[in-house]
Amino acid sequence: MPDAIDDLFRRFGKAFNKADVEEIAACVTDDFEWRLNSGGQPAGRVLKGKEALRAHFADKSRAHREARFSEARIHRAGDKLFGTFRVTGIDHAGQPFDRYGIDLYELRDGKIALKDSYMKAG
């Protein structure tokens, strides 16, 4: 029988595939931090809190179209987790992409508190 962490990441992954921001928000802490693969140094663009998460998904100029995540796996390393995945789709410039990535996660109180994202360059 799957445990609570497996259930959490299954919900989170399905929500990302559907770009269901409210379901994503339900899986994260109120002070959730997402360190995106793009932006300034050294941490990349950092979103803090559920409202920043909602604003990110609402900003269609930054969004990839038809993004589809596959080959997702969650790996446990003590009290930390990391997820490996493949994502394909159309970027904001209209170009197709196919990349592998990794996310480092921290959990708190049964929810995701940090998602630190890294992706192969296109």
PDB file of N, CA and C in Angstrom:
ATOM      1  N   MET A   1       0.850  -1.189   0.000  1.00  0.00           N
ATOM      2  CA  MET A   1       0.000   0.000   0.000  1.00  0.00           C
ATOM      3  C   MET A   1       0.889   1.245   0.000  1.00  0.00           C
ATOM      4  N   PRO A   2       0.639   2.182  -0.906  1.00  0.00           N
ATOM      5  CA  PRO A   2       1.482   3.372  -0.994  1.00  0.00           C
ATOM      6  C   PRO A   2       1.392   4.205   0.284  1.00  0.00           C
ATOM      7  N   ASP A   3       2.516   4.853   0.610  1.00  0.00           N
ATOM      8  CA  ASP A   3       2.492   5.686   1.799  1.00  0.00           C
ATOM      9  C   ASP A   3       2.094   7.122   1.446  1.00  0.00           C
ATOM     10  N   ALA A   4       2.025   7.974   2.452  1.00  0.00           N
ATOM     11  CA  ALA A   4       1.549   9.349   2.267  1.00  0.00           C
ATOM     12  C   ALA A   4       2.449  10.151   1.330  1.00  0.00           C
ATOM     13  N   ILE A   5       3.757   9.904   1.372  1.00  0.00           N
ATOM     14  CA  ILE A   5       4.671  10.637   0.482  1.00  0.00           C
ATOM     15  C   ILE A   5       4.410  10.242  -0.965  1.00  0.00           C
ATOM     16  N   ASP A   6       4.241   8.950  -1.226  1.00  0.00           N
ATOM     17  CA  ASP A   6       3.924   8.499  -2.589  1.00  0.00           C
ATOM     18  C   ASP A   6       2.631   9.149  -3.077  1.00  0.00           C
ATOM     19  N   ASP A   7       1.613   9.165  -2.215  1.00  0.00           N
ATOM     20  CA  ASP A   7       0.328   9.770  -2.580  1.00  0.00           C
ATOM     21  C   ASP A   7       0.488  11.259  -2.880  1.00  0.00           C
ATOM     22  N   LEU A   8       1.251  11.955  -2.039  1.00  0.00           N
ATOM     23  CA  LEU A   8       1.478  13.386  -2.238  1.00  0.00           C
ATOM     24  C   LEU A   8       2.127  13.658  -3.590  1.00  0.00           C
ATOM     25  N   PHE A   9       3.172  12.921  -3.916  1.00  0.00           N
ATOM     26  CA  PHE A   9       3.864  13.164  -5.174  1.00  0.00           C
ATOM     27  C   PHE A   9       3.063  12.706  -6.389  1.00  0.00           C
ATOM     28  N   ARG A  10       2.236  11.714  -6.227  1.00  0.00           N
ATOM     29  CA  ARG A  10       1.340  11.311  -7.325  1.00  0.00           C
ATOM     30  C   ARG A  10       0.355  12.443  -7.633  1.00  0.00           C
ATOM     31  N   ARG A  11      -0.248  13.013  -6.585  1.00  0.00           N
ATOM     32  CA  ARG A  11      -1.172  14.154  -6.754  1.00  0.00           C
ATOM     33  C   ARG A  11      -0.456  15.348  -7.366  1.00  0.00           C
ATOM     34  N   PHE A  12       0.725  15.652  -6.841  1.00  0.00           N
ATOM     35  CA  PHE A  12       1.511  16.790  -7.302  1.00  0.00           C
ATOM     36  C   PHE A  12       1.868  16.636  -8.780  1.00  0.00           C
ATOM     37  N   GLY A  13       2.332  15.445  -9.168  1.00  0.00           N
ATOM     38  CA  GLY A  13       2.709  15.190 -10.559  1.00  0.00           C
ATOM     39  C   GLY A  13       1.528  15.286 -11.511  1.00  0.00           C
ATOM     40  N   LYS A  14       0.404  14.715 -11.132  1.00  0.00           N
ATOM     41  CA  LYS A  14      -0.795  14.805 -11.971  1.00  0.00           C
ATOM     42  C   LYS A  14      -1.233  16.255 -12.124  1.00  0.00           C
ATOM     43  N   ALA A  15      -1.153  17.022 -11.044  1.00  0.00           N
ATOM     44  CA  ALA A  15      -1.541  18.433 -11.092  1.00  0.00           C
ATOM     45  C   ALA A  15      -0.619  19.212 -12.027  1.00  0.00           C
ATOM     46  N   PHE A  16       0.686  18.929 -12.002  1.00  0.00           N
ATOM     47  CA  PHE A  16       1.607  19.606 -12.909  1.00  0.00           C
ATOM     48  C   PHE A  16       1.290  19.262 -14.358  1.00  0.00           C
ATOM     49  N   ASN A  17       0.998  18.010 -14.649  1.00  0.00           N
ATOM     50  CA  ASN A  17       0.677  17.618 -16.021  1.00  0.00           C
ATOM     51  C   ASN A  17      -0.571  18.323 -16.542  1.00  0.00           C
ATOM     52  N   LYS A  18      -1.507  18.628 -15.652  1.00  0.00           N
ATOM     53  CA  LYS A  18      -2.739  19.316 -16.054  1.00  0.00           C
ATOM     54  C   LYS A  18      -2.640  20.829 -15.864  1.00  0.00           C
ATOM     55  N   ALA A  19      -1.507  21.317 -15.323  1.00  0.00           N
ATOM     56  CA  ALA A  19      -1.341  22.733 -14.968  1.00  0.00           C
ATOM     57  C   ALA A  19      -2.487  23.180 -14.056  1.00  0.00           C
ATOM     58  N   ASP A  20      -2.861  22.290 -13.128  1.00  0.00           N
ATOM     59  CA  ASP A  20      -3.935  22.566 -12.172  1.00  0.00           C
ATOM     60  C   ASP A  20      -3.326  23.246 -10.951  1.00  0.00           C
ATOM     61  N   VAL A  21      -3.243  24.567 -11.004  1.00  0.00           N
ATOM     62  CA  VAL A  21      -2.529  25.327  -9.975  1.00  0.00           C
ATOM     63  C   VAL A  21      -3.160  25.165  -8.599  1.00  0.00           C
ATOM     64  N   GLU A  22      -4.459  25.018  -8.515  1.00  0.00           N
ATOM     65  CA  GLU A  22      -5.091  24.864  -7.195  1.00  0.00           C
ATOM     66  C   GLU A  22      -4.761  23.513  -6.577  1.00  0.00           C
ATOM     67  N   GLU A  23      -4.672  22.477  -7.380  1.00  0.00           N
ATOM     68  CA  GLU A  23      -4.275  21.173  -6.853  1.00  0.00           C
ATOM     69  C   GLU A  23      -2.787  21.180  -6.487  1.00  0.00           C
ATOM     70  N   ILE A  24      -1.958  21.865  -7.284  1.00  0.00           N
ATOM     71  CA  ILE A  24      -0.542  22.018  -6.929  1.00  0.00           C
ATOM     72  C   ILE A  24      -0.448  22.728  -5.585  1.00  0.00           C
ATOM     73  N   ALA A  25      -1.184  23.832  -5.443  1.00  0.00           N
ATOM     74  CA  ALA A  25      -1.159  24.616  -4.199  1.00  0.00           C
ATOM     75  C   ALA A  25      -1.604  23.783  -2.998  1.00  0.00           C
ATOM     76  N   ALA A  26      -2.508  22.848  -3.213  1.00  0.00           N
ATOM     77  CA  ALA A  26      -2.979  21.994  -2.110  1.00  0.00           C
ATOM     78  C   ALA A  26      -1.888  21.036  -1.625  1.00  0.00           C
ATOM     79  N   CYS A  27      -0.867  20.813  -2.446  1.00  0.00           N
ATOM     80  CA  CYS A  27       0.211  19.885  -2.105  1.00  0.00           C
ATOM     81  C   CYS A  27       1.407  20.566  -1.449  1.00  0.00           C
ATOM     82  N   VAL A  28       1.396  21.890  -1.368  1.00  0.00           N
ATOM     83  CA  VAL A  28       2.563  22.617  -0.863  1.00  0.00           C
ATOM     84  C   VAL A  28       2.221  23.406   0.401  1.00  0.00           C
ATOM     85  N   THR A  29       3.270  23.766   1.147  1.00  0.00           N
ATOM     86  CA  THR A  29       3.092  24.576   2.352  1.00  0.00           C
ATOM     87  C   THR A  29       2.738  26.011   1.961  1.00  0.00           C
ATOM     88  N   ASP A  30       2.198  26.758   2.908  1.00  0.00           N
ATOM     89  CA  ASP A  30       1.848  28.159   2.644  1.00  0.00           C
ATOM     90  C   ASP A  30       3.074  28.983   2.268  1.00  0.00           C
ATOM     91  N   ASP A  31       4.236  28.642   2.824  1.00  0.00           N
ATOM     92  CA  ASP A  31       5.463  29.380   2.519  1.00  0.00           C
ATOM     93  C   ASP A  31       6.345  28.636   1.508  1.00  0.00           C
ATOM     94  N   PHE A  32       5.724  27.810   0.690  1.00  0.00           N
ATOM     95  CA  PHE A  32       6.410  27.035  -0.357  1.00  0.00           C
ATOM     96  C   PHE A  32       7.395  27.908  -1.133  1.00  0.00           C
ATOM     97  N   GLU A  33       8.553  27.340  -1.425  1.00  0.00           N
ATOM     98  CA  GLU A  33       9.553  28.023  -2.248  1.00  0.00           C
ATOM     99  C   GLU A  33       9.885  27.150  -3.445  1.00  0.00           C
ATOM    100  N   TRP A  34       9.847  27.759  -4.649  1.00  0.00           N
ATOM    101  CA  TRP A  34      10.195  27.059  -5.888  1.00  0.00           C
ATOM    102  C   TRP A  34      11.326  27.815  -6.542  1.00  0.00           C
ATOM    103  N   ARG A  35      12.473  27.162  -6.627  1.00  0.00           N
ATOM    104  CA  ARG A  35      13.654  27.728  -7.288  1.00  0.00           C
ATOM    105  C   ARG A  35      13.656  27.192  -8.708  1.00  0.00           C
ATOM    106  N   LEU A  36      13.247  28.070  -9.639  1.00  0.00           N
ATOM    107  CA  LEU A  36      13.107  27.650 -11.027  1.00  0.00           C
ATOM    108  C   LEU A  36      14.461  27.505 -11.706  1.00  0.00           C
ATOM    109  N   ASN A  37      14.447  26.834 -12.827  1.00  0.00           N
ATOM    110  CA  ASN A  37      15.645  26.571 -13.600  1.00  0.00           C
ATOM    111  C   ASN A  37      16.137  27.810 -14.341  1.00  0.00           C
ATOM    112  N   SER A  38      15.397  28.883 -14.337  1.00  0.00           N
ATOM    113  CA  SER A  38      15.771  30.090 -15.077  1.00  0.00           C
ATOM    114  C   SER A  38      15.862  31.272 -14.134  1.00  0.00           C
ATOM    115  N   GLY A  39      16.496  32.327 -14.606  1.00  0.00           N
ATOM    116  CA  GLY A  39      16.561  33.544 -13.816  1.00  0.00           C
ATOM    117  C   GLY A  39      17.946  33.821 -13.287  1.00  0.00           C
ATOM    118  N   GLY A  40      18.011  34.714 -12.315  1.00  0.00           N
ATOM    119  CA  GLY A  40      19.282  35.204 -11.787  1.00  0.00           C
ATOM    120  C   GLY A  40      20.087  34.181 -11.018  1.00  0.00           C
ATOM    121  N   GLN A  41      21.298  34.553 -10.749  1.00  0.00           N
ATOM    122  CA  GLN A  41      22.243  33.700 -10.050  1.00  0.00           C
ATOM    123  C   GLN A  41      22.171  33.953  -8.552  1.00  0.00           C
ATOM    124  N   PRO A  42      22.500  33.067  -7.673  1.00  0.00           N
ATOM    125  CA  PRO A  42      22.846  31.680  -7.979  1.00  0.00           C
ATOM    126  C   PRO A  42      21.647  30.741  -7.927  1.00  0.00           C
ATOM    127  N   ALA A  43      20.513  31.179  -7.373  1.00  0.00           N
ATOM    128  CA  ALA A  43      19.387  30.262  -7.133  1.00  0.00           C
ATOM    129  C   ALA A  43      18.389  30.204  -8.273  1.00  0.00           C
ATOM    130  N   GLY A  44      18.551  31.013  -9.313  1.00  0.00           N
ATOM    131  CA  GLY A  44      17.544  31.081 -10.360  1.00  0.00           C
ATOM    132  C   GLY A  44      16.398  31.968  -9.910  1.00  0.00           C
ATOM    133  N   ARG A  45      15.335  31.983 -10.669  1.00  0.00           N
ATOM    134  CA  ARG A  45      14.139  32.745 -10.272  1.00  0.00           C
ATOM    135  C   ARG A  45      13.475  31.992  -9.127  1.00  0.00           C
ATOM    136  N   VAL A  46      13.178  32.697  -8.039  1.00  0.00           N
ATOM    137  CA  VAL A  46      12.619  32.056  -6.853  1.00  0.00           C
ATOM    138  C   VAL A  46      11.197  32.560  -6.625  1.00  0.00           C
ATOM    139  N   LEU A  47      10.256  31.626  -6.551  1.00  0.00           N
ATOM    140  CA  LEU A  47       8.871  31.936  -6.208  1.00  0.00           C
ATOM    141  C   LEU A  47       8.668  31.570  -4.749  1.00  0.00           C
ATOM    142  N   LYS A  48       8.028  32.451  -4.012  1.00  0.00           N
ATOM    143  CA  LYS A  48       7.778  32.182  -2.593  1.00  0.00           C
ATOM    144  C   LYS A  48       6.293  32.337  -2.304  1.00  0.00           C
ATOM    145  N   GLY A  49       5.694  31.279  -1.792  1.00  0.00           N
ATOM    146  CA  GLY A  49       4.295  31.300  -1.397  1.00  0.00           C
ATOM    147  C   GLY A  49       3.349  30.866  -2.504  1.00  0.00           C
ATOM    148  N   LYS A  50       2.127  30.570  -2.098  1.00  0.00           N
ATOM    149  CA  LYS A  50       1.119  30.074  -3.032  1.00  0.00           C
ATOM    150  C   LYS A  50       0.671  31.136  -4.025  1.00  0.00           C
ATOM    151  N   GLU A  51       0.637  32.404  -3.615  1.00  0.00           N
ATOM    152  CA  GLU A  51       0.217  33.452  -4.554  1.00  0.00           C
ATOM    153  C   GLU A  51       1.231  33.614  -5.678  1.00  0.00           C
ATOM    154  N   ALA A  52       2.518  33.505  -5.377  1.00  0.00           N
ATOM    155  CA  ALA A  52       3.547  33.574  -6.416  1.00  0.00           C
ATOM    156  C   ALA A  52       3.423  32.381  -7.364  1.00  0.00           C
ATOM    157  N   LEU A  53       3.088  31.220  -6.815  1.00  0.00           N
ATOM    158  CA  LEU A  53       2.855  30.028  -7.629  1.00  0.00           C
ATOM    159  C   LEU A  53       1.687  30.258  -8.591  1.00  0.00           C
ATOM    160  N   ARG A  54       0.594  30.797  -8.059  1.00  0.00           N
ATOM    161  CA  ARG A  54      -0.576  31.080  -8.904  1.00  0.00           C
ATOM    162  C   ARG A  54      -0.242  32.098  -9.988  1.00  0.00           C
ATOM    163  N   ALA A  55       0.498  33.151  -9.652  1.00  0.00           N
ATOM    164  CA  ALA A  55       0.871  34.177 -10.625  1.00  0.00           C
ATOM    165  C   ALA A  55       1.749  33.590 -11.730  1.00  0.00           C
ATOM    166  N   HIS A  56       2.645  32.680 -11.358  1.00  0.00           N
ATOM    167  CA  HIS A  56       3.516  32.041 -12.349  1.00  0.00           C
ATOM    168  C   HIS A  56       2.694  31.267 -13.383  1.00  0.00           C
ATOM    169  N   PHE A  57       1.741  30.488 -12.914  1.00  0.00           N
ATOM    170  CA  PHE A  57       0.922  29.701 -13.837  1.00  0.00           C
ATOM    171  C   PHE A  57      -0.037  30.576 -14.637  1.00  0.00           C
ATOM    172  N   ALA A  58      -0.411  31.722 -14.112  1.00  0.00           N
ATOM    173  CA  ALA A  58      -1.308  32.638 -14.826  1.00  0.00           C
ATOM    174  C   ALA A  58      -0.580  33.409 -15.919  1.00  0.00           C
ATOM    175  N   ASP A  59       0.746  33.552 -15.813  1.00  0.00           N
ATOM    176  CA  ASP A  59       1.540  34.320 -16.776  1.00  0.00           C
ATOM    177  C   ASP A  59       1.848  33.446 -17.991  1.00  0.00           C
ATOM    178  N   LYS A  60       0.990  33.502 -18.979  1.00  0.00           N
ATOM    179  CA  LYS A  60       1.126  32.637 -20.159  1.00  0.00           C
ATOM    180  C   LYS A  60       2.343  32.990 -21.006  1.00  0.00           C
ATOM    181  N   SER A  61       2.925  34.185 -20.837  1.00  0.00           N
ATOM    182  CA  SER A  61       4.106  34.548 -21.616  1.00  0.00           C
ATOM    183  C   SER A  61       5.315  33.714 -21.212  1.00  0.00           C
ATOM    184  N   ARG A  62       5.319  33.171 -19.999  1.00  0.00           N
ATOM    185  CA  ARG A  62       6.430  32.348 -19.524  1.00  0.00           C
ATOM    186  C   ARG A  62       6.139  30.855 -19.656  1.00  0.00           C
ATOM    187  N   ALA A  63       4.925  30.516 -19.927  1.00  0.00           N
ATOM    188  CA  ALA A  63       4.501  29.117 -19.880  1.00  0.00           C
ATOM    189  C   ALA A  63       4.921  28.352 -21.136  1.00  0.00           C
ATOM    190  N   HIS A  64       5.258  27.108 -20.925  1.00  0.00           N
ATOM    191  CA  HIS A  64       5.455  26.191 -22.044  1.00  0.00           C
ATOM    192  C   HIS A  64       4.086  25.654 -22.423  1.00  0.00           C
ATOM    193  N   ARG A  65       3.854  25.533 -23.717  1.00  0.00           N
ATOM    194  CA  ARG A  65       2.587  24.983 -24.183  1.00  0.00           C
ATOM    195  C   ARG A  65       2.725  23.468 -24.334  1.00  0.00           C
ATOM    196  N   GLU A  66       1.637  22.800 -24.073  1.00  0.00           N
ATOM    197  CA  GLU A  66       1.592  21.357 -24.272  1.00  0.00           C
ATOM    198  C   GLU A  66       2.699  20.628 -23.511  1.00  0.00           C
ATOM    199  N   ALA A  67       3.139  21.169 -22.377  1.00  0.00           N
ATOM    200  CA  ALA A  67       4.176  20.497 -21.590  1.00  0.00           C
ATOM    201  C   ALA A  67       3.621  19.185 -21.056  1.00  0.00           C
ATOM    202  N   ARG A  68       4.410  18.145 -21.194  1.00  0.00           N
ATOM    203  CA  ARG A  68       4.013  16.823 -20.727  1.00  0.00           C
ATOM    204  C   ARG A  68       5.183  16.200 -19.991  1.00  0.00           C
ATOM    205  N   PHE A  69       4.947  15.833 -18.737  1.00  0.00           N
ATOM    206  CA  PHE A  69       5.973  15.215 -17.910  1.00  0.00           C
ATOM    207  C   PHE A  69       5.803  13.707 -17.955  1.00  0.00           C
ATOM    208  N   SER A  70       6.924  12.994 -18.074  1.00  0.00           N
ATOM    209  CA  SER A  70       6.893  11.531 -18.102  1.00  0.00           C
ATOM    210  C   SER A  70       8.170  11.010 -17.434  1.00  0.00           C
ATOM    211  N   GLU A  71       8.266   9.694 -17.346  1.00  0.00           N
ATOM    212  CA  GLU A  71       9.429   9.025 -16.770  1.00  0.00           C
ATOM    213  C   GLU A  71       9.755   9.563 -15.376  1.00  0.00           C
ATOM    214  N   ALA A  72       8.737   9.994 -14.643  1.00  0.00           N
ATOM    215  CA  ALA A  72       8.937  10.589 -13.321  1.00  0.00           C
ATOM    216  C   ALA A  72       9.197   9.510 -12.272  1.00  0.00           C
ATOM    217  N   ARG A  73      10.204   9.761 -11.453  1.00  0.00           N
ATOM    218  CA  ARG A  73      10.552   8.865 -10.349  1.00  0.00           C
ATOM    219  C   ARG A  73      10.919   9.720  -9.143  1.00  0.00           C
ATOM    220  N   ILE A  74      10.493   9.299  -7.970  1.00  0.00           N
ATOM    221  CA  ILE A  74      10.873   9.953  -6.724  1.00  0.00           C
ATOM    222  C   ILE A  74      11.870   9.041  -6.020  1.00  0.00           C
ATOM    223  N   HIS A  75      12.962   9.628  -5.556  1.00  0.00           N
ATOM    224  CA  HIS A  75      14.023   8.904  -4.873  1.00  0.00           C
ATOM    225  C   HIS A  75      14.210   9.526  -3.491  1.00  0.00           C
ATOM    226  N   ARG A  76      14.331   8.697  -2.480  1.00  0.00           N
ATOM    227  CA  ARG A  76      14.491   9.190  -1.107  1.00  0.00           C
ATOM    228  C   ARG A  76      15.960   9.105  -0.711  1.00  0.00           C
ATOM    229  N   ALA A  77      16.427  10.178  -0.086  1.00  0.00           N
ATOM    230  CA  ALA A  77      17.802  10.244   0.400  1.00  0.00           C
ATOM    231  C   ALA A  77      17.748  10.815   1.815  1.00  0.00           C
ATOM    232  N   GLY A  78      17.507   9.950   2.789  1.00  0.00           N
ATOM    233  CA  GLY A  78      17.332  10.414   4.161  1.00  0.00           C
ATOM    234  C   GLY A  78      16.066  11.231   4.277  1.00  0.00           C
ATOM    235  N   ASP A  79      16.177  12.448   4.798  1.00  0.00           N
ATOM    236  CA  ASP A  79      14.996  13.303   4.952  1.00  0.00           C
ATOM    237  C   ASP A  79      14.757  14.193   3.741  1.00  0.00           C
ATOM    238  N   LYS A  80      15.550  14.013   2.683  1.00  0.00           N
ATOM    239  CA  LYS A  80      15.381  14.771   1.443  1.00  0.00           C
ATOM    240  C   LYS A  80      14.875  13.823   0.354  1.00  0.00           C
ATOM    241  N   LEU A  81      14.280  14.408  -0.658  1.00  0.00           N
ATOM    242  CA  LEU A  81      13.825  13.626  -1.796  1.00  0.00           C
ATOM    243  C   LEU A  81      14.300  14.306  -3.072  1.00  0.00           C
ATOM    244  N   PHE A  82      14.479  13.529  -4.122  1.00  0.00           N
ATOM    245  CA  PHE A  82      14.701  14.131  -5.423  1.00  0.00           C
ATOM    246  C   PHE A  82      13.889  13.365  -6.445  1.00  0.00           C
ATOM    247  N   GLY A  83      13.444  14.107  -7.442  1.00  0.00           N
ATOM    248  CA  GLY A  83      12.639  13.527  -8.500  1.00  0.00           C
ATOM    249  C   GLY A  83      13.330  13.710  -9.833  1.00  0.00           C
ATOM    250  N   THR A  84      13.352  12.656 -10.629  1.00  0.00           N
ATOM    251  CA  THR A  84      13.874  12.740 -11.988  1.00  0.00           C
ATOM    252  C   THR A  84      12.693  12.655 -12.940  1.00  0.00           C
ATOM    253  N   PHE A  85      12.810  13.315 -14.094  1.00  0.00           N
ATOM    254  CA  PHE A  85      11.688  13.358 -15.028  1.00  0.00           C
ATOM    255  C   PHE A  85      12.161  13.728 -16.424  1.00  0.00           C
ATOM    256  N   ARG A  86      11.270  13.556 -17.367  1.00  0.00           N
ATOM    257  CA  ARG A  86      11.442  14.018 -18.745  1.00  0.00           C
ATOM    258  C   ARG A  86      10.263  14.925 -19.043  1.00  0.00           C
ATOM    259  N   VAL A  87      10.511  16.020 -19.725  1.00  0.00           N
ATOM    260  CA  VAL A  87       9.434  16.932 -20.107  1.00  0.00           C
ATOM    261  C   VAL A  87       9.580  17.272 -21.586  1.00  0.00           C
ATOM    262  N   THR A  88       8.454  17.216 -22.293  1.00  0.00           N
ATOM    263  CA  THR A  88       8.399  17.580 -23.705  1.00  0.00           C
ATOM    264  C   THR A  88       7.299  18.616 -23.893  1.00  0.00           C
ATOM    265  N   GLY A  89       7.380  19.352 -24.978  1.00  0.00           N
ATOM    266  CA  GLY A  89       6.334  20.329 -25.260  1.00  0.00           C
ATOM    267  C   GLY A  89       6.801  21.382 -26.244  1.00  0.00           C
ATOM    268  N   ILE A  90       6.138  22.523 -26.192  1.00  0.00           N
ATOM    269  CA  ILE A  90       6.444  23.677 -27.031  1.00  0.00           C
ATOM    270  C   ILE A  90       6.803  24.821 -26.085  1.00  0.00           C
ATOM    271  N   ASP A  91       7.967  25.457 -26.306  1.00  0.00           N
ATOM    272  CA  ASP A  91       8.356  26.531 -25.398  1.00  0.00           C
ATOM    273  C   ASP A  91       7.629  27.834 -25.742  1.00  0.00           C
ATOM    274  N   HIS A  92       7.874  28.880 -24.939  1.00  0.00           N
ATOM    275  CA  HIS A  92       7.165  30.154 -25.124  1.00  0.00           C
ATOM    276  C   HIS A  92       7.515  30.826 -26.444  1.00  0.00           C
ATOM    277  N   ALA A  93       8.610  30.387 -27.113  1.00  0.00           N
ATOM    278  CA  ALA A  93       8.984  30.931 -28.430  1.00  0.00           C
ATOM    279  C   ALA A  93       8.416  30.090 -29.569  1.00  0.00           C
ATOM    280  N   GLY A  94       7.629  29.056 -29.229  1.00  0.00           N
ATOM    281  CA  GLY A  94       7.014  28.223 -30.250  1.00  0.00           C
ATOM    282  C   GLY A  94       7.883  27.066 -30.730  1.00  0.00           C
ATOM    283  N   GLN A  95       8.987  26.802 -30.051  1.00  0.00           N
ATOM    284  CA  GLN A  95       9.903  25.741 -30.452  1.00  0.00           C
ATOM    285  C   GLN A  95       9.672  24.478 -29.618  1.00  0.00           C
ATOM    286  N   PRO A  96       9.707  23.308 -30.267  1.00  0.00           N
ATOM    287  CA  PRO A  96       9.548  22.065 -29.510  1.00  0.00           C
ATOM    288  C   PRO A  96      10.770  21.816 -28.614  1.00  0.00           C
ATOM    289  N   PHE A  97      10.545  21.145 -27.493  1.00  0.00           N
ATOM    290  CA  PHE A  97      11.649  20.784 -26.614  1.00  0.00           C
ATOM    291  C   PHE A  97      11.414  19.400 -26.030  1.00  0.00           C
ATOM    292  N   ASP A  98      12.510  18.773 -25.624  1.00  0.00           N
ATOM    293  CA  ASP A  98      12.508  17.441 -25.017  1.00  0.00           C
ATOM    294  C   ASP A  98      13.712  17.411 -24.089  1.00  0.00           C
ATOM    295  N   ARG A  99      13.488  17.430 -22.770  1.00  0.00           N
ATOM    296  CA  ARG A  99      14.578  17.559 -21.809  1.00  0.00           C
ATOM    297  C   ARG A  99      14.370  16.643 -20.607  1.00  0.00           C
ATOM    298  N   TYR A 100      15.490  16.295 -19.999  1.00  0.00           N
ATOM    299  CA  TYR A 100      15.489  15.602 -18.723  1.00  0.00           C
ATOM    300  C   TYR A 100      15.750  16.627 -17.619  1.00  0.00           C
ATOM    301  N   GLY A 101      15.201  16.369 -16.444  1.00  0.00           N
ATOM    302  CA  GLY A 101      15.420  17.276 -15.333  1.00  0.00           C
ATOM    303  C   GLY A 101      15.416  16.542 -14.011  1.00  0.00           C
ATOM    304  N   ILE A 102      15.748  17.306 -12.978  1.00  0.00           N
ATOM    305  CA  ILE A 102      15.751  16.798 -11.615  1.00  0.00           C
ATOM    306  C   ILE A 102      15.251  17.905 -10.692  1.00  0.00           C
ATOM    307  N   ASP A 103      14.476  17.532  -9.708  1.00  0.00           N
ATOM    308  CA  ASP A 103      13.999  18.458  -8.685  1.00  0.00           C
ATOM    309  C   ASP A 103      14.438  17.918  -7.326  1.00  0.00           C
ATOM    310  N   LEU A 104      14.967  18.800  -6.498  1.00  0.00           N
ATOM    311  CA  LEU A 104      15.269  18.459  -5.110  1.00  0.00           C
ATOM    312  C   LEU A 104      14.116  18.969  -4.267  1.00  0.00           C
ATOM    313  N   TYR A 105      13.652  18.172  -3.320  1.00  0.00           N
ATOM    314  CA  TYR A 105      12.482  18.514  -2.515  1.00  0.00           C
ATOM    315  C   TYR A 105      12.792  18.451  -1.028  1.00  0.00           C
ATOM    316  N   GLU A 106      12.121  19.321  -0.289  1.00  0.00           N
ATOM    317  CA  GLU A 106      12.075  19.230   1.161  1.00  0.00           C
ATOM    318  C   GLU A 106      10.610  19.214   1.559  1.00  0.00           C
ATOM    319  N   LEU A 107      10.274  18.383   2.524  1.00  0.00           N
ATOM    320  CA  LEU A 107       8.906  18.256   3.005  1.00  0.00           C
ATOM    321  C   LEU A 107       8.794  18.809   4.415  1.00  0.00           C
ATOM    322  N   ARG A 108       7.610  19.294   4.737  1.00  0.00           N
ATOM    323  CA  ARG A 108       7.312  19.735   6.101  1.00  0.00           C
ATOM    324  C   ARG A 108       5.819  19.550   6.344  1.00  0.00           C
ATOM    325  N   ASP A 109       5.480  18.936   7.452  1.00  0.00           N
ATOM    326  CA  ASP A 109       4.089  18.740   7.841  1.00  0.00           C
ATOM    327  C   ASP A 109       3.264  18.057   6.739  1.00  0.00           C
ATOM    328  N   GLY A 110       3.875  17.093   6.055  1.00  0.00           N
ATOM    329  CA  GLY A 110       3.166  16.313   5.054  1.00  0.00           C
ATOM    330  C   GLY A 110       2.936  17.018   3.724  1.00  0.00           C
ATOM    331  N   LYS A 111       3.614  18.153   3.520  1.00  0.00           N
ATOM    332  CA  LYS A 111       3.478  18.889   2.258  1.00  0.00           C
ATOM    333  C   LYS A 111       4.858  19.261   1.737  1.00  0.00           C
ATOM    334  N   ILE A 112       4.908  19.694   0.485  1.00  0.00           N
ATOM    335  CA  ILE A 112       6.165  20.092  -0.140  1.00  0.00           C
ATOM    336  C   ILE A 112       6.473  21.531   0.260  1.00  0.00           C
ATOM    337  N   ALA A 113       7.633  21.749   0.871  1.00  0.00           N
ATOM    338  CA  ALA A 113       8.048  23.079   1.305  1.00  0.00           C
ATOM    339  C   ALA A 113       9.033  23.725   0.323  1.00  0.00           C
ATOM    340  N   LEU A 114       9.815  22.894  -0.397  1.00  0.00           N
ATOM    341  CA  LEU A 114      10.806  23.392  -1.343  1.00  0.00           C
ATOM    342  C   LEU A 114      10.852  22.499  -2.559  1.00  0.00           C
ATOM    343  N   LYS A 115      10.926  23.131  -3.723  1.00  0.00           N
ATOM    344  CA  LYS A 115      11.147  22.442  -4.999  1.00  0.00           C
ATOM    345  C   LYS A 115      12.269  23.205  -5.693  1.00  0.00           C
ATOM    346  N   ASP A 116      13.433  22.611  -5.782  1.00  0.00           N
ATOM    347  CA  ASP A 116      14.604  23.245  -6.379  1.00  0.00           C
ATOM    348  C   ASP A 116      14.863  22.537  -7.706  1.00  0.00           C
ATOM    349  N   SER A 117      14.613  23.227  -8.829  1.00  0.00           N
ATOM    350  CA  SER A 117      14.566  22.594 -10.152  1.00  0.00           C
ATOM    351  C   SER A 117      15.843  22.790 -10.966  1.00  0.00           C
ATOM    352  N   TYR A 118      16.231  21.723 -11.655  1.00  0.00           N
ATOM    353  CA  TYR A 118      17.394  21.739 -12.561  1.00  0.00           C
ATOM    354  C   TYR A 118      16.979  20.996 -13.831  1.00  0.00           C
ATOM    355  N   MET A 119      17.424  21.512 -14.993  1.00  0.00           N
ATOM    356  CA  MET A 119      17.045  20.871 -16.253  1.00  0.00           C
ATOM    357  C   MET A 119      18.219  20.932 -17.239  1.00  0.00           C
ATOM    358  N   LYS A 120      18.323  19.933 -18.067  1.00  0.00           N
ATOM    359  CA  LYS A 120      19.341  19.926 -19.132  1.00  0.00           C
ATOM    360  C   LYS A 120      19.056  21.108 -20.053  1.00  0.00           C
ATOM    361  N   ALA A 121      20.111  21.772 -20.489  1.00  0.00           N
ATOM    362  CA  ALA A 121      19.965  22.923 -21.391  1.00  0.00           C
ATOM    363  C   ALA A 121      19.463  22.453 -22.744  1.00  0.00           C
ATOM    364  N   GLY A 122      18.683  23.300 -23.370  1.00  0.00           N
ATOM    365  CA  GLY A 122      18.103  22.962 -24.667  1.00  0.00           C
ATOM    366  C   GLY A 122      18.915  23.431 -25.819  1.00  0.00           C
TER     367      GLY A 122
END
